[in-house]
């Protein structure tokens, strides 16, 4: 499946403008976790983004949070993962590792 470069990000978060849970998720991901490799995908425009959310996750509400290709869920699920301790960070590290592998493969191909 073509995710239009979304695999280059550690986090992909499907959001909607004015969504308080989306704002809270942003505060946790950027502020608490200190992650800056995030693709924020607004599902309101174009509508294809909402279709991509449904296709990729089966989730109908926002925020819909992915770490790499692993679907976490919404805000409550993110908090549950955070409270579980190493589980969330292990997923982040695996996603970072996959991102680095893809970057190395692209560099090798360009040589």
PDB file of N, CA and C in Angstrom:
ATOM      1  N   UNK A   1       0.842  -1.175   0.000  1.00  0.00           N
ATOM      2  CA  UNK A   1       0.000   0.000   0.000  1.00  0.00           C
ATOM      3  C   UNK A   1       0.887   1.239   0.000  1.00  0.00           C
ATOM      4  N   UNK A   2       0.512   2.218  -0.794  1.00  0.00           N
ATOM      5  CA  UNK A   2       1.260   3.462  -0.858  1.00  0.00           C
ATOM      6  C   UNK A   2       0.711   4.423   0.176  1.00  0.00           C
ATOM      7  N   UNK A   3       1.526   4.807   1.134  1.00  0.00           N
ATOM      8  CA  UNK A   3       1.104   5.729   2.180  1.00  0.00           C
ATOM      9  C   UNK A   3       1.621   7.134   1.928  1.00  0.00           C
ATOM     10  N   UNK A   4       2.065   7.395   0.673  1.00  0.00           N
ATOM     11  CA  UNK A   4       2.511   8.731   0.290  1.00  0.00           C
ATOM     12  C   UNK A   4       3.578   9.275   1.221  1.00  0.00           C
ATOM     13  N   UNK A   5       4.565   8.461   1.565  1.00  0.00           N
ATOM     14  CA  UNK A   5       5.674   8.924   2.386  1.00  0.00           C
ATOM     15  C   UNK A   5       5.417   8.890   3.875  1.00  0.00           C
ATOM     16  N   UNK A   6       4.236   8.435   4.310  1.00  0.00           N
ATOM     17  CA  UNK A   6       3.950   8.423   5.736  1.00  0.00           C
ATOM     18  C   UNK A   6       4.875   7.475   6.495  1.00  0.00           C
ATOM     19  N   UNK A   7       5.436   6.490   5.783  1.00  0.00           N
ATOM     20  CA  UNK A   7       6.342   5.556   6.453  1.00  0.00           C
ATOM     21  C   UNK A   7       7.641   6.230   6.875  1.00  0.00           C
ATOM     22  N   UNK A   8       7.874   7.458   6.423  1.00  0.00           N
ATOM     23  CA  UNK A   8       9.073   8.195   6.813  1.00  0.00           C
ATOM     24  C   UNK A   8       8.947   8.825   8.193  1.00  0.00           C
ATOM     25  N   UNK A   9       7.801   8.732   8.799  1.00  0.00           N
ATOM     26  CA  UNK A   9       7.558   9.325  10.110  1.00  0.00           C
ATOM     27  C   UNK A   9       7.453   8.235  11.170  1.00  0.00           C
ATOM     28  N   UNK A  10       7.862   8.568  12.404  1.00  0.00           N
ATOM     29  CA  UNK A  10       7.714   7.636  13.514  1.00  0.00           C
ATOM     30  C   UNK A  10       6.236   7.556  13.897  1.00  0.00           C
ATOM     31  N   UNK A  11       5.601   8.702  14.042  1.00  0.00           N
ATOM     32  CA  UNK A  11       4.177   8.762  14.374  1.00  0.00           C
ATOM     33  C   UNK A  11       3.388   9.290  13.179  1.00  0.00           C
ATOM     34  N   UNK A  12       2.248   8.700  12.930  1.00  0.00           N
ATOM     35  CA  UNK A  12       1.258   9.261  12.019  1.00  0.00           C
ATOM     36  C   UNK A  12      -0.002   9.428  12.847  1.00  0.00           C
ATOM     37  N   UNK A  13      -0.543  10.641  12.855  1.00  0.00           N
ATOM     38  CA  UNK A  13      -1.725  10.920  13.667  1.00  0.00           C
ATOM     39  C   UNK A  13      -2.778  11.566  12.775  1.00  0.00           C
ATOM     40  N   UNK A  14      -3.895  10.877  12.635  1.00  0.00           N
ATOM     41  CA  UNK A  14      -5.028  11.419  11.896  1.00  0.00           C
ATOM     42  C   UNK A  14      -5.819  12.291  12.864  1.00  0.00           C
ATOM     43  N   UNK A  15      -6.068  13.541  12.457  1.00  0.00           N
ATOM     44  CA  UNK A  15      -6.685  14.528  13.341  1.00  0.00           C
ATOM     45  C   UNK A  15      -7.786  15.285  12.614  1.00  0.00           C
ATOM     46  N   UNK A  16      -8.481  16.116  13.377  1.00  0.00           N
ATOM     47  CA  UNK A  16      -9.496  17.028  12.859  1.00  0.00           C
ATOM     48  C   UNK A  16      -9.320  18.353  13.580  1.00  0.00           C
ATOM     49  N   UNK A  17      -9.425  19.463  12.863  1.00  0.00           N
ATOM     50  CA  UNK A  17      -9.304  20.780  13.482  1.00  0.00           C
ATOM     51  C   UNK A  17     -10.378  20.945  14.557  1.00  0.00           C
ATOM     52  N   UNK A  18      -9.988  21.508  15.688  1.00  0.00           N
ATOM     53  CA  UNK A  18     -10.936  21.753  16.773  1.00  0.00           C
ATOM     54  C   UNK A  18     -11.210  20.556  17.663  1.00  0.00           C
ATOM     55  N   UNK A  19     -10.521  19.455  17.442  1.00  0.00           N
ATOM     56  CA  UNK A  19     -10.718  18.242  18.243  1.00  0.00           C
ATOM     57  C   UNK A  19      -9.861  18.331  19.512  1.00  0.00           C
ATOM     58  N   UNK A  20     -10.488  18.408  20.699  1.00  0.00           N
ATOM     59  CA  UNK A  20      -9.696  18.532  21.927  1.00  0.00           C
ATOM     60  C   UNK A  20      -8.833  17.298  22.206  1.00  0.00           C
ATOM     61  N   UNK A  21      -9.295  16.115  21.820  1.00  0.00           N
ATOM     62  CA  UNK A  21      -8.510  14.893  22.044  1.00  0.00           C
ATOM     63  C   UNK A  21      -7.286  14.873  21.136  1.00  0.00           C
ATOM     64  N   UNK A  22      -7.429  15.440  19.942  1.00  0.00           N
ATOM     65  CA  UNK A  22      -6.280  15.560  19.028  1.00  0.00           C
ATOM     66  C   UNK A  22      -5.234  16.499  19.617  1.00  0.00           C
ATOM     67  N   UNK A  23      -5.701  17.613  20.178  1.00  0.00           N
ATOM     68  CA  UNK A  23      -4.786  18.562  20.814  1.00  0.00           C
ATOM     69  C   UNK A  23      -4.054  17.922  21.992  1.00  0.00           C
ATOM     70  N   UNK A  24      -4.777  17.121  22.770  1.00  0.00           N
ATOM     71  CA  UNK A  24      -4.149  16.444  23.911  1.00  0.00           C
ATOM     72  C   UNK A  24      -3.117  15.428  23.426  1.00  0.00           C
ATOM     73  N   UNK A  25      -3.456  14.687  22.374  1.00  0.00           N
ATOM     74  CA  UNK A  25      -2.508  13.711  21.819  1.00  0.00           C
ATOM     75  C   UNK A  25      -1.243  14.416  21.342  1.00  0.00           C
ATOM     76  N   UNK A  26      -1.418  15.583  20.710  1.00  0.00           N
ATOM     77  CA  UNK A  26      -0.268  16.352  20.238  1.00  0.00           C
ATOM     78  C   UNK A  26       0.621  16.765  21.407  1.00  0.00           C
ATOM     79  N   UNK A  27      -0.001  17.213  22.500  1.00  0.00           N
ATOM     80  CA  UNK A  27       0.772  17.616  23.681  1.00  0.00           C
ATOM     81  C   UNK A  27       1.566  16.446  24.242  1.00  0.00           C
ATOM     82  N   UNK A  28       0.962  15.266  24.280  1.00  0.00           N
ATOM     83  CA  UNK A  28       1.650  14.088  24.819  1.00  0.00           C
ATOM     84  C   UNK A  28       2.796  13.666  23.905  1.00  0.00           C
ATOM     85  N   UNK A  29       2.518  13.556  22.623  1.00  0.00           N
ATOM     86  CA  UNK A  29       3.531  13.058  21.683  1.00  0.00           C
ATOM     87  C   UNK A  29       4.714  14.019  21.585  1.00  0.00           C
ATOM     88  N   UNK A  30       4.426  15.307  21.425  1.00  0.00           N
ATOM     89  CA  UNK A  30       5.507  16.279  21.279  1.00  0.00           C
ATOM     90  C   UNK A  30       6.107  16.680  22.621  1.00  0.00           C
ATOM     91  N   UNK A  31       5.257  16.920  23.606  1.00  0.00           N
ATOM     92  CA  UNK A  31       5.737  17.438  24.887  1.00  0.00           C
ATOM     93  C   UNK A  31       6.283  16.389  25.815  1.00  0.00           C
ATOM     94  N   UNK A  32       5.507  15.354  26.067  1.00  0.00           N
ATOM     95  CA  UNK A  32       5.919  14.330  27.032  1.00  0.00           C
ATOM     96  C   UNK A  32       6.944  13.386  26.423  1.00  0.00           C
ATOM     97  N   UNK A  33       6.664  12.902  25.216  1.00  0.00           N
ATOM     98  CA  UNK A  33       7.572  11.935  24.590  1.00  0.00           C
ATOM     99  C   UNK A  33       8.726  12.614  23.855  1.00  0.00           C
ATOM    100  N   UNK A  34       8.565  13.884  23.485  1.00  0.00           N
ATOM    101  CA  UNK A  34       9.625  14.599  22.779  1.00  0.00           C
ATOM    102  C   UNK A  34       9.843  14.120  21.362  1.00  0.00           C
ATOM    103  N   UNK A  35       8.822  13.577  20.738  1.00  0.00           N
ATOM    104  CA  UNK A  35       8.931  13.067  19.369  1.00  0.00           C
ATOM    105  C   UNK A  35       8.670  14.215  18.401  1.00  0.00           C
ATOM    106  N   UNK A  36       9.524  14.338  17.384  1.00  0.00           N
ATOM    107  CA  UNK A  36       9.287  15.369  16.382  1.00  0.00           C
ATOM    108  C   UNK A  36       9.101  14.797  14.983  1.00  0.00           C
ATOM    109  N   UNK A  37       9.191  13.498  14.849  1.00  0.00           N
ATOM    110  CA  UNK A  37       8.982  12.849  13.553  1.00  0.00           C
ATOM    111  C   UNK A  37       7.521  12.398  13.478  1.00  0.00           C
ATOM    112  N   UNK A  38       6.655  13.392  13.183  1.00  0.00           N
ATOM    113  CA  UNK A  38       5.216  13.156  13.233  1.00  0.00           C
ATOM    114  C   UNK A  38       4.576  13.664  11.953  1.00  0.00           C
ATOM    115  N   UNK A  39       3.704  12.864  11.376  1.00  0.00           N
ATOM    116  CA  UNK A  39       2.881  13.313  10.267  1.00  0.00           C
ATOM    117  C   UNK A  39       1.483  13.548  10.809  1.00  0.00           C
ATOM    118  N   UNK A  40       1.048  14.800  10.791  1.00  0.00           N
ATOM    119  CA  UNK A  40      -0.303  15.158  11.222  1.00  0.00           C
ATOM    120  C   UNK A  40      -1.167  15.173   9.968  1.00  0.00           C
ATOM    121  N   UNK A  41      -2.149  14.283   9.897  1.00  0.00           N
ATOM    122  CA  UNK A  41      -2.999  14.173   8.716  1.00  0.00           C
ATOM    123  C   UNK A  41      -4.406  14.621   9.091  1.00  0.00           C
ATOM    124  N   UNK A  42      -4.814  15.781   8.571  1.00  0.00           N
ATOM    125  CA  UNK A  42      -6.152  16.306   8.846  1.00  0.00           C
ATOM    126  C   UNK A  42      -7.154  15.572   7.953  1.00  0.00           C
ATOM    127  N   UNK A  43      -8.113  14.896   8.562  1.00  0.00           N
ATOM    128  CA  UNK A  43      -9.055  14.069   7.802  1.00  0.00           C
ATOM    129  C   UNK A  43     -10.210  14.872   7.224  1.00  0.00           C
ATOM    130  N   UNK A  44     -10.284  16.163   7.523  1.00  0.00           N
ATOM    131  CA  UNK A  44     -11.407  16.948   7.014  1.00  0.00           C
ATOM    132  C   UNK A  44     -11.214  17.375   5.564  1.00  0.00           C
ATOM    133  N   UNK A  45      -9.976  17.614   5.139  1.00  0.00           N
ATOM    134  CA  UNK A  45      -9.713  18.012   3.757  1.00  0.00           C
ATOM    135  C   UNK A  45      -8.396  17.438   3.312  1.00  0.00           C
ATOM    136  N   UNK A  46      -8.263  16.815   2.200  1.00  0.00           N
ATOM    137  CA  UNK A  46      -9.348  16.306   1.375  1.00  0.00           C
ATOM    138  C   UNK A  46      -9.966  15.066   2.005  1.00  0.00           C
ATOM    139  N   UNK A  47     -11.120  14.696   1.534  1.00  0.00           N
ATOM    140  CA  UNK A  47     -11.833  13.555   2.109  1.00  0.00           C
ATOM    141  C   UNK A  47     -11.090  12.238   1.922  1.00  0.00           C
ATOM    142  N   UNK A  48     -10.155  12.209   0.987  1.00  0.00           N
ATOM    143  CA  UNK A  48      -9.352  10.994   0.787  1.00  0.00           C
ATOM    144  C   UNK A  48      -8.576  10.633   2.045  1.00  0.00           C
ATOM    145  N   UNK A  49      -8.242  11.643   2.849  1.00  0.00           N
ATOM    146  CA  UNK A  49      -7.511  11.361   4.090  1.00  0.00           C
ATOM    147  C   UNK A  49      -8.367  10.553   5.051  1.00  0.00           C
ATOM    148  N   UNK A  50      -9.667  10.847   5.099  1.00  0.00           N
ATOM    149  CA  UNK A  50     -10.552  10.058   5.966  1.00  0.00           C
ATOM    150  C   UNK A  50     -10.658   8.635   5.434  1.00  0.00           C
ATOM    151  N   UNK A  51     -10.725   8.501   4.123  1.00  0.00           N
ATOM    152  CA  UNK A  51     -10.763   7.166   3.516  1.00  0.00           C
ATOM    153  C   UNK A  51      -9.479   6.400   3.823  1.00  0.00           C
ATOM    154  N   UNK A  52      -8.349   7.100   3.783  1.00  0.00           N
ATOM    155  CA  UNK A  52      -7.069   6.456   4.100  1.00  0.00           C
ATOM    156  C   UNK A  52      -7.040   6.006   5.556  1.00  0.00           C
ATOM    157  N   UNK A  53      -7.585   6.827   6.444  1.00  0.00           N
ATOM    158  CA  UNK A  53      -7.684   6.452   7.863  1.00  0.00           C
ATOM    159  C   UNK A  53      -8.462   5.159   8.010  1.00  0.00           C
ATOM    160  N   UNK A  54      -9.625   5.102   7.378  1.00  0.00           N
ATOM    161  CA  UNK A  54     -10.478   3.914   7.472  1.00  0.00           C
ATOM    162  C   UNK A  54      -9.777   2.680   6.885  1.00  0.00           C
ATOM    163  N   UNK A  55      -9.153   2.861   5.725  1.00  0.00           N
ATOM    164  CA  UNK A  55      -8.489   1.744   5.067  1.00  0.00           C
ATOM    165  C   UNK A  55      -7.306   1.238   5.877  1.00  0.00           C
ATOM    166  N   UNK A  56      -6.541   2.159   6.408  1.00  0.00           N
ATOM    167  CA  UNK A  56      -5.303   1.796   7.100  1.00  0.00           C
ATOM    168  C   UNK A  56      -5.546   1.218   8.486  1.00  0.00           C
ATOM    169  N   UNK A  57      -6.593   1.716   9.179  1.00  0.00           N
ATOM    170  CA  UNK A  57      -6.767   1.337  10.581  1.00  0.00           C
ATOM    171  C   UNK A  57      -8.120   0.716  10.908  1.00  0.00           C
ATOM    172  N   UNK A  58      -9.138   0.985  10.101  1.00  0.00           N
ATOM    173  CA  UNK A  58     -10.491   0.564  10.429  1.00  0.00           C
ATOM    174  C   UNK A  58     -11.121   1.465  11.490  1.00  0.00           C
ATOM    175  N   UNK A  59     -10.391   2.459  11.920  1.00  0.00           N
ATOM    176  CA  UNK A  59     -10.811   3.381  12.980  1.00  0.00           C
ATOM    177  C   UNK A  59     -11.641   4.503  12.351  1.00  0.00           C
ATOM    178  N   UNK A  60     -12.710   4.918  13.018  1.00  0.00           N
ATOM    179  CA  UNK A  60     -13.586   5.948  12.465  1.00  0.00           C
ATOM    180  C   UNK A  60     -13.482   7.290  13.186  1.00  0.00           C
ATOM    181  N   UNK A  61     -12.791   7.330  14.307  1.00  0.00           N
ATOM    182  CA  UNK A  61     -12.725   8.563  15.085  1.00  0.00           C
ATOM    183  C   UNK A  61     -11.293   9.062  15.159  1.00  0.00           C
ATOM    184  N   UNK A  62     -11.162  10.333  15.542  1.00  0.00           N
ATOM    185  CA  UNK A  62      -9.845  10.930  15.694  1.00  0.00           C
ATOM    186  C   UNK A  62      -9.645  11.332  17.151  1.00  0.00           C
ATOM    187  N   UNK A  63      -8.418  11.371  17.595  1.00  0.00           N
ATOM    188  CA  UNK A  63      -7.224  11.049  16.829  1.00  0.00           C
ATOM    189  C   UNK A  63      -7.091   9.544  16.618  1.00  0.00           C
ATOM    190  N   UNK A  64      -6.452   9.195  15.533  1.00  0.00           N
ATOM    191  CA  UNK A  64      -6.080   7.810  15.259  1.00  0.00           C
ATOM    192  C   UNK A  64      -4.558   7.806  15.156  1.00  0.00           C
ATOM    193  N   UNK A  65      -3.914   7.087  16.052  1.00  0.00           N
ATOM    194  CA  UNK A  65      -2.459   7.197  16.230  1.00  0.00           C
ATOM    195  C   UNK A  65      -1.766   5.906  15.803  1.00  0.00           C
ATOM    196  N   UNK A  66      -0.737   6.072  14.962  1.00  0.00           N
ATOM    197  CA  UNK A  66       0.097   4.948  14.555  1.00  0.00           C
ATOM    198  C   UNK A  66       1.540   5.246  14.927  1.00  0.00           C
ATOM    199  N   UNK A  67       2.233   4.219  15.357  1.00  0.00           N
ATOM    200  CA  UNK A  67       3.681   4.291  15.541  1.00  0.00           C
ATOM    201  C   UNK A  67       4.252   3.375  14.470  1.00  0.00           C
ATOM    202  N   UNK A  68       4.945   3.981  13.509  1.00  0.00           N
ATOM    203  CA  UNK A  68       5.360   3.199  12.346  1.00  0.00           C
ATOM    204  C   UNK A  68       4.107   2.682  11.661  1.00  0.00           C
ATOM    205  N   UNK A  69       4.023   1.390  11.461  1.00  0.00           N
ATOM    206  CA  UNK A  69       2.841   0.769  10.867  1.00  0.00           C
ATOM    207  C   UNK A  69       1.913   0.182  11.918  1.00  0.00           C
ATOM    208  N   UNK A  70       2.274   0.315  13.188  1.00  0.00           N
ATOM    209  CA  UNK A  70       1.487  -0.270  14.280  1.00  0.00           C
ATOM    210  C   UNK A  70       0.417   0.710  14.757  1.00  0.00           C
ATOM    211  N   UNK A  71      -0.837   0.325  14.626  1.00  0.00           N
ATOM    212  CA  UNK A  71      -1.951   1.168  15.048  1.00  0.00           C
ATOM    213  C   UNK A  71      -2.110   1.077  16.564  1.00  0.00           C
ATOM    214  N   UNK A  72      -2.032   2.238  17.227  1.00  0.00           N
ATOM    215  CA  UNK A  72      -2.174   2.311  18.677  1.00  0.00           C
ATOM    216  C   UNK A  72      -3.637   2.454  19.068  1.00  0.00           C
ATOM    217  N   UNK A  73      -4.341   3.351  18.401  1.00  0.00           N
ATOM    218  CA  UNK A  73      -5.727   3.653  18.727  1.00  0.00           C
ATOM    219  C   UNK A  73      -5.893   5.150  18.866  1.00  0.00           C
ATOM    220  N   UNK A  74      -6.732   5.579  19.804  1.00  0.00           N
ATOM    221  CA  UNK A  74      -6.988   6.990  20.037  1.00  0.00           C
ATOM    222  C   UNK A  74      -6.202   7.515  21.219  1.00  0.00           C
ATOM    223  N   UNK A  75      -6.641   8.657  21.731  1.00  0.00           N
ATOM    224  CA  UNK A  75      -5.939   9.313  22.835  1.00  0.00           C
ATOM    225  C   UNK A  75      -5.873   8.417  24.072  1.00  0.00           C
ATOM    226  N   UNK A  76      -7.012   7.829  24.466  1.00  0.00           N
ATOM    227  CA  UNK A  76      -7.022   6.969  25.656  1.00  0.00           C
ATOM    228  C   UNK A  76      -6.064   5.790  25.505  1.00  0.00           C
ATOM    229  N   UNK A  77      -5.990   5.254  24.298  1.00  0.00           N
ATOM    230  CA  UNK A  77      -5.069   4.140  24.043  1.00  0.00           C
ATOM    231  C   UNK A  77      -3.614   4.592  24.135  1.00  0.00           C
ATOM    232  N   UNK A  78      -3.341   5.814  23.659  1.00  0.00           N
ATOM    233  CA  UNK A  78      -1.989   6.370  23.782  1.00  0.00           C
ATOM    234  C   UNK A  78      -1.592   6.503  25.241  1.00  0.00           C
ATOM    235  N   UNK A  79      -2.496   7.010  26.064  1.00  0.00           N
ATOM    236  CA  UNK A  79      -2.215   7.168  27.492  1.00  0.00           C
ATOM    237  C   UNK A  79      -2.018   5.807  28.147  1.00  0.00           C
ATOM    238  N   UNK A  80      -2.844   4.837  27.794  1.00  0.00           N
ATOM    239  CA  UNK A  80      -2.699   3.481  28.338  1.00  0.00           C
ATOM    240  C   UNK A  80      -1.336   2.903  27.966  1.00  0.00           C
ATOM    241  N   UNK A  81      -0.922   3.114  26.711  1.00  0.00           N
ATOM    242  CA  UNK A  81       0.399   2.644  26.269  1.00  0.00           C
ATOM    243  C   UNK A  81       1.508   3.351  27.052  1.00  0.00           C
ATOM    244  N   UNK A  82       1.340   4.645  27.251  1.00  0.00           N
ATOM    245  CA  UNK A  82       2.342   5.427  27.983  1.00  0.00           C
ATOM    246  C   UNK A  82       2.479   4.926  29.412  1.00  0.00           C
ATOM    247  N   UNK A  83       1.363   4.634  30.050  1.00  0.00           N
ATOM    248  CA  UNK A  83       1.379   4.153  31.436  1.00  0.00           C
ATOM    249  C   UNK A  83       1.928   2.733  31.547  1.00  0.00           C
ATOM    250  N   UNK A  84       1.887   1.985  30.438  1.00  0.00           N
ATOM    251  CA  UNK A  84       2.383   0.603  30.485  1.00  0.00           C
ATOM    252  C   UNK A  84       3.896   0.542  30.563  1.00  0.00           C
ATOM    253  N   UNK A  85       4.532   1.711  30.435  1.00  0.00           N
ATOM    254  CA  UNK A  85       5.987   1.738  30.585  1.00  0.00           C
ATOM    255  C   UNK A  85       6.715   1.500  29.289  1.00  0.00           C
ATOM    256  N   UNK A  86       7.493   0.443  29.251  1.00  0.00           N
ATOM    257  CA  UNK A  86       8.408   0.226  28.136  1.00  0.00           C
ATOM    258  C   UNK A  86       7.706  -0.167  26.845  1.00  0.00           C
ATOM    259  N   UNK A  87       6.458  -0.583  26.897  1.00  0.00           N
ATOM    260  CA  UNK A  87       5.748  -1.026  25.697  1.00  0.00           C
ATOM    261  C   UNK A  87       5.728   0.051  24.624  1.00  0.00           C
ATOM    262  N   UNK A  88       5.355   1.255  24.983  1.00  0.00           N
ATOM    263  CA  UNK A  88       5.276   2.348  24.018  1.00  0.00           C
ATOM    264  C   UNK A  88       6.655   2.685  23.475  1.00  0.00           C
ATOM    265  N   UNK A  89       7.630   2.811  24.348  1.00  0.00           N
ATOM    266  CA  UNK A  89       8.968   3.176  23.892  1.00  0.00           C
ATOM    267  C   UNK A  89       9.575   2.080  23.020  1.00  0.00           C
ATOM    268  N   UNK A  90       9.274   0.822  23.306  1.00  0.00           N
ATOM    269  CA  UNK A  90       9.746  -0.263  22.438  1.00  0.00           C
ATOM    270  C   UNK A  90       9.182  -0.105  21.037  1.00  0.00           C
ATOM    271  N   UNK A  91       7.907   0.261  20.926  1.00  0.00           N
ATOM    272  CA  UNK A  91       7.287   0.469  19.618  1.00  0.00           C
ATOM    273  C   UNK A  91       7.923   1.655  18.910  1.00  0.00           C
ATOM    274  N   UNK A  92       8.197   2.712  19.653  1.00  0.00           N
ATOM    275  CA  UNK A  92       8.853   3.886  19.065  1.00  0.00           C
ATOM    276  C   UNK A  92      10.244   3.509  18.556  1.00  0.00           C
ATOM    277  N   UNK A  93      11.005   2.789  19.354  1.00  0.00           N
ATOM    278  CA  UNK A  93      12.352   2.392  18.940  1.00  0.00           C
ATOM    279  C   UNK A  93      12.327   1.481  17.723  1.00  0.00           C
ATOM    280  N   UNK A  94      11.371   0.537  17.674  1.00  0.00           N
ATOM    281  CA  UNK A  94      11.248  -0.333  16.500  1.00  0.00           C
ATOM    282  C   UNK A  94      10.925   0.494  15.254  1.00  0.00           C
ATOM    283  N   UNK A  95      10.019   1.474  15.393  1.00  0.00           N
ATOM    284  CA  UNK A  95       9.651   2.317  14.258  1.00  0.00           C
ATOM    285  C   UNK A  95      10.845   3.160  13.812  1.00  0.00           C
ATOM    286  N   UNK A  96      11.614   3.694  14.763  1.00  0.00           N
ATOM    287  CA  UNK A  96      12.810   4.460  14.415  1.00  0.00           C
ATOM    288  C   UNK A  96      13.823   3.581  13.691  1.00  0.00           C
ATOM    289  N   UNK A  97      13.980   2.349  14.146  1.00  0.00           N
ATOM    290  CA  UNK A  97      14.894   1.415  13.516  1.00  0.00           C
ATOM    291  C   UNK A  97      14.463   1.136  12.069  1.00  0.00           C
ATOM    292  N   UNK A  98      13.166   0.921  11.855  1.00  0.00           N
ATOM    293  CA  UNK A  98      12.668   0.671  10.504  1.00  0.00           C
ATOM    294  C   UNK A  98      12.873   1.892   9.613  1.00  0.00           C
ATOM    295  N   UNK A  99      12.657   3.064  10.163  1.00  0.00           N
ATOM    296  CA  UNK A  99      12.859   4.301   9.405  1.00  0.00           C
ATOM    297  C   UNK A  99      14.319   4.414   8.974  1.00  0.00           C
ATOM    298  N   UNK A 100      15.240   4.141   9.889  1.00  0.00           N
ATOM    299  CA  UNK A 100      16.671   4.209   9.569  1.00  0.00           C
ATOM    300  C   UNK A 100      17.057   3.175   8.515  1.00  0.00           C
ATOM    301  N   UNK A 101      16.509   1.975   8.609  1.00  0.00           N
ATOM    302  CA  UNK A 101      16.797   0.941   7.606  1.00  0.00           C
ATOM    303  C   UNK A 101      16.358   1.397   6.224  1.00  0.00           C
ATOM    304  N   UNK A 102      15.177   2.016   6.137  1.00  0.00           N
ATOM    305  CA  UNK A 102      14.680   2.499   4.843  1.00  0.00           C
ATOM    306  C   UNK A 102      15.565   3.614   4.309  1.00  0.00           C
ATOM    307  N   UNK A 103      16.029   4.482   5.185  1.00  0.00           N
ATOM    308  CA  UNK A 103      16.914   5.563   4.758  1.00  0.00           C
ATOM    309  C   UNK A 103      18.241   5.019   4.249  1.00  0.00           C
ATOM    310  N   UNK A 104      18.784   4.035   4.918  1.00  0.00           N
ATOM    311  CA  UNK A 104      20.049   3.416   4.489  1.00  0.00           C
ATOM    312  C   UNK A 104      19.854   2.735   3.147  1.00  0.00           C
ATOM    313  N   UNK A 105      18.737   2.038   2.973  1.00  0.00           N
ATOM    314  CA  UNK A 105      18.466   1.368   1.695  1.00  0.00           C
ATOM    315  C   UNK A 105      18.352   2.385   0.567  1.00  0.00           C
ATOM    316  N   UNK A 106      17.678   3.521   0.825  1.00  0.00           N
ATOM    317  CA  UNK A 106      17.576   4.568  -0.209  1.00  0.00           C
ATOM    318  C   UNK A 106      18.956   5.131  -0.556  1.00  0.00           C
ATOM    319  N   UNK A 107      19.784   5.339   0.472  1.00  0.00           N
ATOM    320  CA  UNK A 107      21.141   5.857   0.219  1.00  0.00           C
ATOM    321  C   UNK A 107      21.967   4.866  -0.600  1.00  0.00           C
ATOM    322  N   UNK A 108      21.845   3.589  -0.272  1.00  0.00           N
ATOM    323  CA  UNK A 108      22.592   2.579  -1.019  1.00  0.00           C
ATOM    324  C   UNK A 108      22.173   2.570  -2.471  1.00  0.00           C
ATOM    325  N   UNK A 109      20.861   2.683  -2.719  1.00  0.00           N
ATOM    326  CA  UNK A 109      20.374   2.683  -4.094  1.00  0.00           C
ATOM    327  C   UNK A 109      20.853   3.914  -4.879  1.00  0.00           C
ATOM    328  N   UNK A 110      21.076   5.011  -4.164  1.00  0.00           N
ATOM    329  CA  UNK A 110      21.479   6.250  -4.842  1.00  0.00           C
ATOM    330  C   UNK A 110      22.969   6.275  -5.182  1.00  0.00           C
ATOM    331  N   UNK A 111      23.725   5.341  -4.619  1.00  0.00           N
ATOM    332  CA  UNK A 111      25.172   5.319  -4.881  1.00  0.00           C
ATOM    333  C   UNK A 111      25.500   4.718  -6.225  1.00  0.00           C
TER     334      UNK A 111
END
